[in-house]
Structures are given as C-alpha cells and as structure tokens.
Amino acid sequence: GELVYVGDDVANYDFTFDNTALANITPLTITIGFTANNKTYDGNTTATRDALNMSAVLTGDDVTFDDSALEYNFSDKNVG
C-alpha cells in the first residue's frame, strides 16, 4: 500500500513516513490439561492419560506436546 496525503494545504508540507513499527508481538498463552483413564483399585496412584487438551491454539498452527517424560498420578490411591 501507499500512504496518500490529502487536504487543501497538503502542498505546504514535506512529509517523511517512518514505517518502522515500535511494538512487540507477545506469545499467546496456552493452557494444557489432561483427563485420566479410569482404573480398578491396585493400591497405587499411578494413572494413564486418556486425552490431552490444549486451549487457544490458532487454527492452522502446528502445536504438539510430548508428554512421554511425565508421570501421571491420582491424588489418592483409594477408591472414590
């Protein structure tokens, strides 16, 4: 595009346009959560992940999450 100067007195001025942006683009915050698979009581808190959910990922962006190094646990080993 081009900047166009208009007005009755525009000829009285010499314009210089500085097209350098003085702003920052900040990263979009993404919240990551998961749901665990149900399990039969086995005396421990170990859980397996069912689904991984990410909020706010923009359509067309390729964002993945490798959770292979994480351990998932229930907060309590008991039923209920």
C-alpha atoms as a PDB file:
ATOM      1  CA  GLY A   1       0.000   0.000   0.000  1.00  0.00           C
ATOM      2  CA  GLU A   2       0.826   3.601  -0.178  1.00  0.00           C
ATOM      3  CA  LEU A   3       0.190   6.476   2.231  1.00  0.00           C
ATOM      4  CA  VAL A   4      -1.760   9.237   0.487  1.00  0.00           C
ATOM      5  CA  TYR A   5      -1.722  12.799   1.778  1.00  0.00           C
ATOM      6  CA  VAL A   6      -4.902  14.799   1.193  1.00  0.00           C
ATOM      7  CA  GLY A   7      -6.241  18.191   2.136  1.00  0.00           C
ATOM      8  CA  ASP A   8      -6.325  21.742   0.835  1.00  0.00           C
ATOM      9  CA  ASP A   9      -2.966  22.614   2.438  1.00  0.00           C
ATOM     10  CA  VAL A  10      -1.045  19.391   1.802  1.00  0.00           C
ATOM     11  CA  ALA A  11       1.279  21.138  -0.670  1.00  0.00           C
ATOM     12  CA  ASN A  12       2.565  23.313   2.179  1.00  0.00           C
ATOM     13  CA  TYR A  13       4.182  20.330   3.882  1.00  0.00           C
ATOM     14  CA  ASP A  14       7.033  17.920   3.132  1.00  0.00           C
ATOM     15  CA  PHE A  15       6.139  14.514   4.581  1.00  0.00           C
ATOM     16  CA  THR A  16       8.512  11.754   5.652  1.00  0.00           C
ATOM     17  CA  PHE A  17       6.901   8.490   6.673  1.00  0.00           C
ATOM     18  CA  ASP A  18       8.765   6.228   9.125  1.00  0.00           C
ATOM     19  CA  ASN A  19       7.320   2.766   8.604  1.00  0.00           C
ATOM     20  CA  THR A  20       9.283   1.096  11.416  1.00  0.00           C
ATOM     21  CA  ALA A  21       6.882  -0.471  13.916  1.00  0.00           C
ATOM     22  CA  LEU A  22       7.669   0.158  17.560  1.00  0.00           C
ATOM     23  CA  ALA A  23       5.605  -2.644  19.061  1.00  0.00           C
ATOM     24  CA  ASN A  24       6.051  -6.181  20.309  1.00  0.00           C
ATOM     25  CA  ILE A  25       4.185  -9.344  19.477  1.00  0.00           C
ATOM     26  CA  THR A  26       3.836 -11.401  22.643  1.00  0.00           C
ATOM     27  CA  PRO A  27       3.325 -15.182  22.724  1.00  0.00           C
ATOM     28  CA  LEU A  28      -0.223 -16.493  23.089  1.00  0.00           C
ATOM     29  CA  THR A  29      -0.751 -18.320  26.401  1.00  0.00           C
ATOM     30  CA  ILE A  30      -1.864 -21.917  26.024  1.00  0.00           C
ATOM     31  CA  THR A  31      -3.320 -23.937  28.905  1.00  0.00           C
ATOM     32  CA  ILE A  32      -2.559 -27.662  28.812  1.00  0.00           C
ATOM     33  CA  GLY A  33      -4.705 -30.158  30.684  1.00  0.00           C
ATOM     34  CA  PHE A  34      -5.464 -33.853  30.559  1.00  0.00           C
ATOM     35  CA  THR A  35      -8.027 -36.433  31.530  1.00  0.00           C
ATOM     36  CA  ALA A  36      -7.009 -39.747  33.050  1.00  0.00           C
ATOM     37  CA  ASN A  37      -8.309 -43.214  32.265  1.00  0.00           C
ATOM     38  CA  ASN A  38     -10.418 -44.886  34.946  1.00  0.00           C
ATOM     39  CA  LYS A  39      -8.785 -47.861  36.631  1.00  0.00           C
ATOM     40  CA  THR A  40      -9.532 -50.680  39.045  1.00  0.00           C
ATOM     41  CA  TYR A  41      -8.083 -50.274  42.548  1.00  0.00           C
ATOM     42  CA  ASP A  42      -4.497 -51.547  42.609  1.00  0.00           C
ATOM     43  CA  GLY A  43      -3.060 -49.884  45.731  1.00  0.00           C
ATOM     44  CA  ASN A  44      -1.145 -47.092  43.977  1.00  0.00           C
ATOM     45  CA  THR A  45      -1.781 -43.669  42.485  1.00  0.00           C
ATOM     46  CA  THR A  46      -0.361 -44.334  39.022  1.00  0.00           C
ATOM     47  CA  ALA A  47      -2.607 -43.034  36.245  1.00  0.00           C
ATOM     48  CA  THR A  48      -2.589 -43.253  32.466  1.00  0.00           C
ATOM     49  CA  ARG A  49      -3.523 -40.281  30.329  1.00  0.00           C
ATOM     50  CA  ASP A  50      -6.646 -40.518  28.218  1.00  0.00           C
ATOM     51  CA  ALA A  51      -6.770 -37.155  26.456  1.00  0.00           C
ATOM     52  CA  LEU A  52      -4.507 -34.136  26.289  1.00  0.00           C
ATOM     53  CA  ASN A  53      -6.226 -30.779  25.861  1.00  0.00           C
ATOM     54  CA  MET A  54      -4.683 -27.501  24.744  1.00  0.00           C
ATOM     55  CA  SER A  55      -6.612 -24.241  24.751  1.00  0.00           C
ATOM     56  CA  ALA A  56      -6.154 -21.269  22.438  1.00  0.00           C
ATOM     57  CA  VAL A  57      -4.147 -22.913  19.639  1.00  0.00           C
ATOM     58  CA  LEU A  58      -4.897 -20.969  16.480  1.00  0.00           C
ATOM     59  CA  THR A  59      -6.391 -22.766  13.502  1.00  0.00           C
ATOM     60  CA  GLY A  60      -3.652 -23.668  11.053  1.00  0.00           C
ATOM     61  CA  ASP A  61      -0.832 -23.599  13.650  1.00  0.00           C
ATOM     62  CA  ASP A  62       1.080 -26.841  14.251  1.00  0.00           C
ATOM     63  CA  VAL A  63       1.459 -27.192  18.031  1.00  0.00           C
ATOM     64  CA  THR A  64       2.086 -30.554  19.676  1.00  0.00           C
ATOM     65  CA  PHE A  65       3.056 -31.644  23.166  1.00  0.00           C
ATOM     66  CA  ASP A  66       5.323 -34.585  24.028  1.00  0.00           C
ATOM     67  CA  ASP A  67       4.327 -35.854  27.465  1.00  0.00           C
ATOM     68  CA  SER A  68       6.315 -39.110  27.293  1.00  0.00           C
ATOM     69  CA  ALA A  69       8.602 -38.000  30.156  1.00  0.00           C
ATOM     70  CA  LEU A  70       5.727 -37.128  32.519  1.00  0.00           C
ATOM     71  CA  GLU A  71       4.245 -39.375  35.173  1.00  0.00           C
ATOM     72  CA  TYR A  72       0.501 -39.073  35.780  1.00  0.00           C
ATOM     73  CA  ASN A  73      -0.877 -39.815  39.243  1.00  0.00           C
ATOM     74  CA  PHE A  74      -4.169 -39.723  41.088  1.00  0.00           C
ATOM     75  CA  SER A  75      -4.096 -37.577  44.262  1.00  0.00           C
ATOM     76  CA  ASP A  76      -5.163 -40.570  46.369  1.00  0.00           C
ATOM     77  CA  LYS A  77      -4.691 -44.344  45.945  1.00  0.00           C
ATOM     78  CA  ASN A  78      -8.125 -45.132  47.434  1.00  0.00           C
ATOM     79  CA  VAL A  79     -11.439 -45.629  45.633  1.00  0.00           C
ATOM     80  CA  GLY A  80     -13.696 -42.597  45.385  1.00  0.00           C
END
